Amino acid sequence: MSNRPVTGLIGFINKNKLTLILIVILFSLVKQNIFNNNFPYIVLNKQEAIDDIKLINNNLTNQNTLIESQINSFTEENSSLIESKARFKYGLIKEGEYFFKITKITQADNLEETGKSAL
């Protein structure tokens, strides 16, 4: 066995193993991020989606504030209007009230009248 230095491609690879390994890793990461994952554009698309969601959330917050102000602005007159609609449409009653529902009106012919009146 001789101690003669290895030249050519094999000698270059032996001297620069770590550098070549790091270059291969760098190339695979760049390929994965840029070509497969469409790196810079996917981040921009996600940011646009986030901005759209923020805009929708702001609109919903404004709508909620408007609806809350409408609810809080109801006066006693509006409450009585709501109560009358609830009574008429849904047949609701207050506590202590009685509700009578007449379902059918029947007519009776009193052909036989007796001396005793039912009244």
Protein backbone atom coordinates (compact mmCIF):
# COMPACT_ATOMS: atom_id res chain seq x y z
CA MET A 1 0.00 0.00 0.00
CA SER A 2 1.31 3.25 -0.98
CA ASN A 3 0.58 6.62 0.55
CA ARG A 4 0.21 8.38 -2.66
CA PRO A 5 -2.46 11.09 -2.73
CA VAL A 6 -5.67 10.37 -4.59
CA THR A 7 -6.30 12.81 -7.37
CA GLY A 8 -9.21 13.46 -9.68
CA LEU A 9 -12.86 13.21 -8.79
CA ILE A 10 -12.42 10.71 -5.98
CA GLY A 11 -9.82 12.90 -4.32
CA PHE A 12 -12.11 15.93 -4.57
CA ILE A 13 -14.99 13.97 -3.01
CA ASN A 14 -12.77 12.69 -0.18
CA LYS A 15 -11.58 16.20 0.65
CA ASN A 16 -15.01 17.86 0.53
CA LYS A 17 -17.46 15.24 1.93
CA LEU A 18 -19.16 17.57 4.38
CA THR A 19 -19.49 20.39 1.86
CA LEU A 20 -21.04 18.10 -0.73
CA ILE A 21 -23.50 16.66 1.80
CA LEU A 22 -24.57 20.16 2.81
CA ILE A 23 -24.98 21.17 -0.86
CA VAL A 24 -27.20 18.11 -1.49
CA ILE A 25 -29.34 18.96 1.58
CA LEU A 26 -29.61 22.59 0.48
CA PHE A 27 -30.63 21.58 -3.04
CA SER A 28 -33.32 19.20 -1.73
CA LEU A 29 -34.74 21.87 0.60
CA VAL A 30 -34.82 24.47 -2.16
CA LYS A 31 -36.49 21.99 -4.52
CA GLN A 32 -39.06 21.03 -1.87
CA ASN A 33 -39.94 24.61 -0.90
CA ILE A 34 -39.86 26.40 -4.22
CA PHE A 35 -40.89 23.80 -6.79
CA ASN A 36 -43.14 21.47 -4.80
CA ASN A 37 -44.68 23.84 -2.25
CA ASN A 38 -44.73 26.99 -4.42
CA PHE A 39 -43.10 28.81 -1.51
CA PRO A 40 -43.39 32.55 -1.91
CA TYR A 41 -46.83 32.47 -3.55
CA ILE A 42 -48.47 30.19 -1.00
CA VAL A 43 -47.47 32.56 1.80
CA LEU A 44 -48.98 35.50 -0.10
CA ASN A 45 -52.19 33.54 -0.74
CA LYS A 46 -52.48 32.64 2.94
CA GLN A 47 -51.95 36.28 3.90
CA GLU A 48 -54.71 37.36 1.51
CA ALA A 49 -57.04 34.74 3.02
CA ILE A 50 -56.21 36.01 6.51
CA ASP A 51 -56.91 39.59 5.43
CA ASP A 52 -60.27 38.55 3.95
CA ILE A 53 -61.22 36.75 7.17
CA LYS A 54 -60.23 39.82 9.21
CA LEU A 55 -62.44 41.99 6.99
CA ILE A 56 -65.38 39.60 7.41
CA ASN A 57 -64.83 39.56 11.19
CA ASN A 58 -64.82 43.37 11.28
CA ASN A 59 -68.06 43.47 9.27
CA LEU A 60 -69.68 40.95 11.62
CA THR A 61 -68.52 42.93 14.64
CA ASN A 62 -70.06 46.09 13.18
CA GLN A 63 -73.32 44.26 12.46
CA ASN A 64 -73.39 42.87 16.01
CA THR A 65 -72.85 46.35 17.42
CA LEU A 66 -75.70 47.71 15.29
CA ILE A 67 -78.06 44.91 16.34
CA GLU A 68 -77.13 45.36 20.02
CA SER A 69 -77.85 49.08 19.79
CA GLN A 70 -81.24 48.31 18.21
CA ILE A 71 -82.06 45.87 20.99
CA ASN A 72 -80.99 48.32 23.66
CA SER A 73 -83.02 51.13 22.07
CA PHE A 74 -86.35 49.35 22.50
CA THR A 75 -88.64 51.38 24.70
CA GLU A 76 -91.58 50.27 26.77
CA GLU A 77 -93.85 51.02 23.81
CA ASN A 78 -91.90 48.66 21.61
CA SER A 79 -91.98 46.04 24.36
CA SER A 80 -95.78 46.27 24.55
CA LEU A 81 -95.93 45.96 20.76
CA ILE A 82 -93.81 42.80 20.93
CA GLU A 83 -96.00 41.50 23.75
CA SER A 84 -99.21 42.07 21.79
CA LYS A 85 -97.75 40.31 18.76
CA ALA A 86 -96.71 37.37 20.95
CA ARG A 87 -100.19 37.19 22.46
CA PHE A 88 -101.94 37.35 19.09
CA LYS A 89 -99.64 35.19 16.99
CA TYR A 90 -98.53 32.55 19.50
CA GLY A 91 -101.35 32.66 22.04
CA LEU A 92 -99.01 33.48 24.93
CA ILE A 93 -100.43 34.60 28.26
CA LYS A 94 -99.04 36.22 31.38
CA GLU A 95 -98.76 34.48 34.69
CA GLY A 96 -102.09 34.42 36.50
CA GLU A 97 -104.18 34.84 33.35
CA TYR A 98 -106.56 32.25 31.99
CA PHE A 99 -106.85 31.31 28.36
CA PHE A 100 -110.06 29.94 26.88
CA LYS A 101 -110.12 28.67 23.35
CA ILE A 102 -113.42 28.10 21.61
CA THR A 103 -112.96 25.47 18.98
CA LYS A 104 -116.49 24.89 17.66
CA ILE A 105 -119.82 26.58 17.94
CA THR A 106 -122.76 24.21 18.01
CA GLN A 107 -126.36 25.16 17.50
CA ALA A 108 -129.04 23.22 19.22
CA ASP A 109 -132.62 23.22 18.09
CA ASN A 110 -134.94 23.20 21.07
CA LEU A 111 -137.95 21.62 19.52
CA GLU A 112 -139.30 20.39 22.76
CA GLU A 113 -139.79 23.10 25.27
CA THR A 114 -140.61 22.12 28.73
CA GLY A 115 -142.09 24.14 31.50
CA LYS A 116 -138.74 24.37 33.15
CA SER A 117 -136.36 26.73 31.56
CA ALA A 118 -132.66 26.08 31.54
CA LEU A 119 -131.96 29.73 32.15
